[in-house]
N, C-alpha and C. Protein backbone atom coordinates (compact mmCIF):
# COMPACT_ATOMS: atom_id res chain seq x y z
N MET A 1 87.75 90.01 58.83
CA MET A 1 89.11 89.59 58.53
C MET A 1 89.91 89.55 59.83
N LYS A 2 90.87 88.66 59.86
CA LYS A 2 91.75 88.57 61.02
C LYS A 2 93.12 89.13 60.68
N PHE A 3 93.69 89.83 61.64
CA PHE A 3 95.03 90.41 61.50
C PHE A 3 95.85 90.06 62.72
N ILE A 4 97.14 90.00 62.54
CA ILE A 4 98.09 89.81 63.62
C ILE A 4 98.91 91.09 63.75
N ALA A 5 98.97 91.61 64.97
CA ALA A 5 99.78 92.80 65.23
C ALA A 5 100.99 92.39 66.07
N ASP A 6 102.17 92.77 65.63
CA ASP A 6 103.41 92.61 66.39
C ASP A 6 103.77 93.99 66.91
N ILE A 7 103.75 94.15 68.23
CA ILE A 7 103.95 95.45 68.87
C ILE A 7 105.23 95.43 69.69
N ASN A 8 106.04 96.45 69.54
CA ASN A 8 107.23 96.63 70.37
C ASN A 8 107.06 97.90 71.18
N VAL A 9 107.18 97.77 72.50
CA VAL A 9 107.10 98.90 73.42
C VAL A 9 108.47 99.03 74.07
N MET A 10 109.06 100.22 73.96
CA MET A 10 110.41 100.45 74.48
C MET A 10 110.44 101.71 75.33
N PRO A 11 111.32 101.73 76.35
CA PRO A 11 111.47 102.97 77.12
C PRO A 11 112.03 104.07 76.21
N LEU A 12 111.60 105.29 76.44
CA LEU A 12 112.13 106.41 75.68
C LEU A 12 113.64 106.50 75.90
N LYS A 13 114.37 106.93 74.90
CA LYS A 13 115.83 107.03 75.00
C LYS A 13 116.26 108.00 76.10
N GLU A 14 115.44 109.00 76.39
CA GLU A 14 115.77 109.99 77.41
C GLU A 14 115.59 109.45 78.82
N ILE A 15 114.90 108.30 78.96
CA ILE A 15 114.58 107.73 80.26
C ILE A 15 115.60 106.66 80.62
N LEU A 16 116.06 106.69 81.88
CA LEU A 16 116.96 105.66 82.37
C LEU A 16 116.27 104.30 82.32
N ASP A 17 116.98 103.28 81.85
CA ASP A 17 116.45 101.92 81.77
C ASP A 17 117.27 101.05 82.73
N PRO A 18 116.86 100.95 84.01
CA PRO A 18 117.66 100.22 84.98
C PRO A 18 117.84 98.74 84.63
N GLN A 19 116.82 98.12 84.06
CA GLN A 19 116.92 96.72 83.67
C GLN A 19 117.94 96.56 82.55
N GLY A 20 117.90 97.44 81.57
CA GLY A 20 118.87 97.40 80.48
C GLY A 20 120.28 97.65 80.99
N LYS A 21 120.43 98.58 81.94
CA LYS A 21 121.73 98.89 82.51
C LYS A 21 122.31 97.68 83.24
N ALA A 22 121.46 96.96 83.99
CA ALA A 22 121.90 95.76 84.69
C ALA A 22 122.36 94.68 83.71
N VAL A 23 121.60 94.48 82.65
CA VAL A 23 121.97 93.48 81.64
C VAL A 23 123.26 93.89 80.95
N SER A 24 123.39 95.17 80.65
CA SER A 24 124.62 95.67 80.01
C SER A 24 125.84 95.38 80.89
N GLY A 25 125.70 95.63 82.20
CA GLY A 25 126.80 95.34 83.12
C GLY A 25 127.13 93.86 83.17
N SER A 26 126.11 93.02 83.10
CA SER A 26 126.32 91.58 83.12
C SER A 26 127.03 91.10 81.86
N MET A 27 126.78 91.74 80.74
CA MET A 27 127.46 91.38 79.50
C MET A 27 128.97 91.53 79.67
N LYS A 28 129.39 92.61 80.30
CA LYS A 28 130.82 92.83 80.53
C LYS A 28 131.38 91.74 81.43
N ASN A 29 130.61 91.33 82.46
CA ASN A 29 131.06 90.27 83.36
C ASN A 29 131.20 88.94 82.65
N LEU A 30 130.46 88.75 81.56
CA LEU A 30 130.54 87.52 80.78
C LEU A 30 131.61 87.58 79.69
N GLY A 31 132.34 88.69 79.66
CA GLY A 31 133.38 88.84 78.64
C GLY A 31 132.84 89.33 77.31
N LEU A 32 131.63 89.84 77.30
CA LEU A 32 131.01 90.35 76.07
C LEU A 32 131.08 91.87 76.07
N SER A 33 132.29 92.39 76.13
CA SER A 33 132.49 93.83 76.27
C SER A 33 132.05 94.64 75.05
N GLY A 34 131.82 93.99 73.93
CA GLY A 34 131.37 94.68 72.73
C GLY A 34 129.89 95.01 72.74
N ILE A 35 129.15 94.47 73.73
CA ILE A 35 127.72 94.72 73.83
C ILE A 35 127.50 95.80 74.89
N HIS A 36 126.82 96.88 74.50
CA HIS A 36 126.56 97.98 75.43
C HIS A 36 125.28 98.70 75.04
N ASP A 37 124.86 99.61 75.87
CA ASP A 37 123.62 100.38 75.66
C ASP A 37 122.42 99.47 75.43
N VAL A 38 122.24 98.50 76.31
CA VAL A 38 121.12 97.56 76.23
C VAL A 38 119.85 98.27 76.70
N ARG A 39 118.76 98.11 75.97
CA ARG A 39 117.44 98.62 76.35
C ARG A 39 116.49 97.43 76.39
N ILE A 40 115.71 97.34 77.45
CA ILE A 40 114.77 96.23 77.63
C ILE A 40 113.35 96.78 77.45
N GLY A 41 112.55 96.10 76.63
CA GLY A 41 111.18 96.51 76.40
C GLY A 41 110.24 95.32 76.41
N LYS A 42 109.09 95.49 75.77
CA LYS A 42 108.07 94.44 75.71
C LYS A 42 107.74 94.16 74.24
N HIS A 43 107.48 92.90 73.96
CA HIS A 43 106.98 92.51 72.64
C HIS A 43 105.61 91.88 72.87
N ILE A 44 104.61 92.40 72.19
CA ILE A 44 103.23 91.94 72.36
C ILE A 44 102.68 91.53 71.00
N VAL A 45 101.99 90.39 70.97
CA VAL A 45 101.34 89.91 69.74
C VAL A 45 99.84 89.86 70.01
N LEU A 46 99.07 90.50 69.13
CA LEU A 46 97.61 90.52 69.24
C LEU A 46 96.98 89.97 67.97
N GLU A 47 95.86 89.28 68.13
CA GLU A 47 95.04 88.90 66.99
C GLU A 47 93.83 89.81 67.00
N ILE A 48 93.56 90.43 65.87
CA ILE A 48 92.48 91.41 65.77
C ILE A 48 91.48 90.96 64.72
N GLU A 49 90.21 91.09 65.05
CA GLU A 49 89.13 90.88 64.09
C GLU A 49 88.67 92.26 63.67
N ALA A 50 88.77 92.56 62.37
CA ALA A 50 88.38 93.88 61.87
C ALA A 50 87.89 93.75 60.43
N ASP A 51 87.13 94.76 60.01
CA ASP A 51 86.58 94.76 58.64
C ASP A 51 87.67 94.96 57.60
N ASN A 52 88.70 95.75 57.95
CA ASN A 52 89.77 96.02 57.00
C ASN A 52 91.04 96.39 57.76
N GLU A 53 92.13 96.56 57.01
CA GLU A 53 93.43 96.84 57.64
C GLU A 53 93.43 98.19 58.36
N GLN A 54 92.78 99.18 57.80
CA GLN A 54 92.74 100.50 58.44
C GLN A 54 92.06 100.42 59.81
N SER A 55 90.96 99.69 59.89
CA SER A 55 90.25 99.52 61.16
C SER A 55 91.12 98.77 62.16
N ALA A 56 91.81 97.75 61.71
CA ALA A 56 92.71 96.99 62.59
C ALA A 56 93.83 97.89 63.10
N HIS A 57 94.38 98.70 62.20
CA HIS A 57 95.45 99.63 62.57
C HIS A 57 94.97 100.60 63.66
N GLU A 58 93.77 101.13 63.50
CA GLU A 58 93.22 102.07 64.48
C GLU A 58 92.99 101.39 65.83
N GLN A 59 92.51 100.14 65.81
CA GLN A 59 92.29 99.42 67.06
C GLN A 59 93.61 99.18 67.81
N VAL A 60 94.63 98.76 67.09
CA VAL A 60 95.93 98.51 67.72
C VAL A 60 96.51 99.81 68.25
N ASP A 61 96.43 100.87 67.47
CA ASP A 61 96.95 102.16 67.90
C ASP A 61 96.26 102.63 69.19
N THR A 62 94.95 102.47 69.25
CA THR A 62 94.21 102.84 70.45
C THR A 62 94.62 101.98 71.64
N ALA A 63 94.77 100.68 71.43
CA ALA A 63 95.19 99.79 72.52
C ALA A 63 96.56 100.19 73.05
N CYS A 64 97.46 100.55 72.16
CA CYS A 64 98.80 100.96 72.58
C CYS A 64 98.75 102.26 73.38
N LYS A 65 98.01 103.22 72.87
CA LYS A 65 97.94 104.54 73.53
C LYS A 65 97.24 104.48 74.88
N LYS A 66 96.20 103.65 74.99
CA LYS A 66 95.38 103.66 76.20
C LYS A 66 95.76 102.60 77.22
N LEU A 67 96.48 101.54 76.81
CA LEU A 67 96.71 100.44 77.73
C LEU A 67 98.13 99.86 77.68
N LEU A 68 98.63 99.60 76.51
CA LEU A 68 99.87 98.81 76.40
C LEU A 68 101.15 99.61 76.62
N ALA A 69 101.13 100.90 76.36
CA ALA A 69 102.33 101.72 76.52
C ALA A 69 102.03 102.91 77.42
N ASN A 70 102.98 103.23 78.27
CA ASN A 70 102.90 104.44 79.08
C ASN A 70 103.61 105.53 78.29
N LEU A 71 102.85 106.37 77.61
CA LEU A 71 103.42 107.32 76.66
C LEU A 71 104.32 108.37 77.31
N ILE A 72 104.26 108.50 78.62
CA ILE A 72 105.16 109.43 79.32
C ILE A 72 106.58 108.86 79.33
N MET A 73 106.68 107.52 79.40
CA MET A 73 107.99 106.88 79.54
C MET A 73 108.36 105.94 78.40
N GLU A 74 107.39 105.59 77.55
CA GLU A 74 107.62 104.57 76.53
C GLU A 74 107.16 105.03 75.15
N SER A 75 107.76 104.43 74.14
CA SER A 75 107.29 104.60 72.77
C SER A 75 106.87 103.22 72.26
N TYR A 76 106.11 103.22 71.17
CA TYR A 76 105.70 101.94 70.59
C TYR A 76 105.72 102.03 69.08
N GLU A 77 105.83 100.86 68.49
CA GLU A 77 105.68 100.71 67.03
C GLU A 77 105.08 99.33 66.80
N PHE A 78 104.38 99.20 65.68
CA PHE A 78 103.79 97.90 65.40
C PHE A 78 103.67 97.66 63.90
N THR A 79 103.55 96.38 63.56
CA THR A 79 103.28 95.99 62.19
C THR A 79 102.02 95.12 62.21
N LEU A 80 101.30 95.15 61.11
CA LEU A 80 100.10 94.35 60.93
C LEU A 80 100.27 93.42 59.75
N LYS A 81 99.74 92.20 59.89
CA LYS A 81 99.71 91.29 58.75
C LYS A 81 98.42 90.51 58.80
N SER A 82 97.96 90.05 57.68
CA SER A 82 96.74 89.23 57.62
C SER A 82 97.01 87.89 58.26
N ALA A 83 96.01 87.40 59.00
CA ALA A 83 96.17 86.11 59.67
C ALA A 83 95.75 84.98 58.75
């Protein structure tokens, strides 16, 4: 079976996000003062071949833990759907 994983990797809230801070400052310069506390992360889409949803979930979780997210500085979440 094929599955599609939508993964979001974000910096931990306790960690300074310099890219988000720069974008937040630029929002004010554009007159968008109502936008603040911007956080910049990554969105990753994977296609997985697996026997079942549980196996696909485990594969994605392993990929996130070992490669896609730096768990010291980032958190991740993902959703799975059938392709």
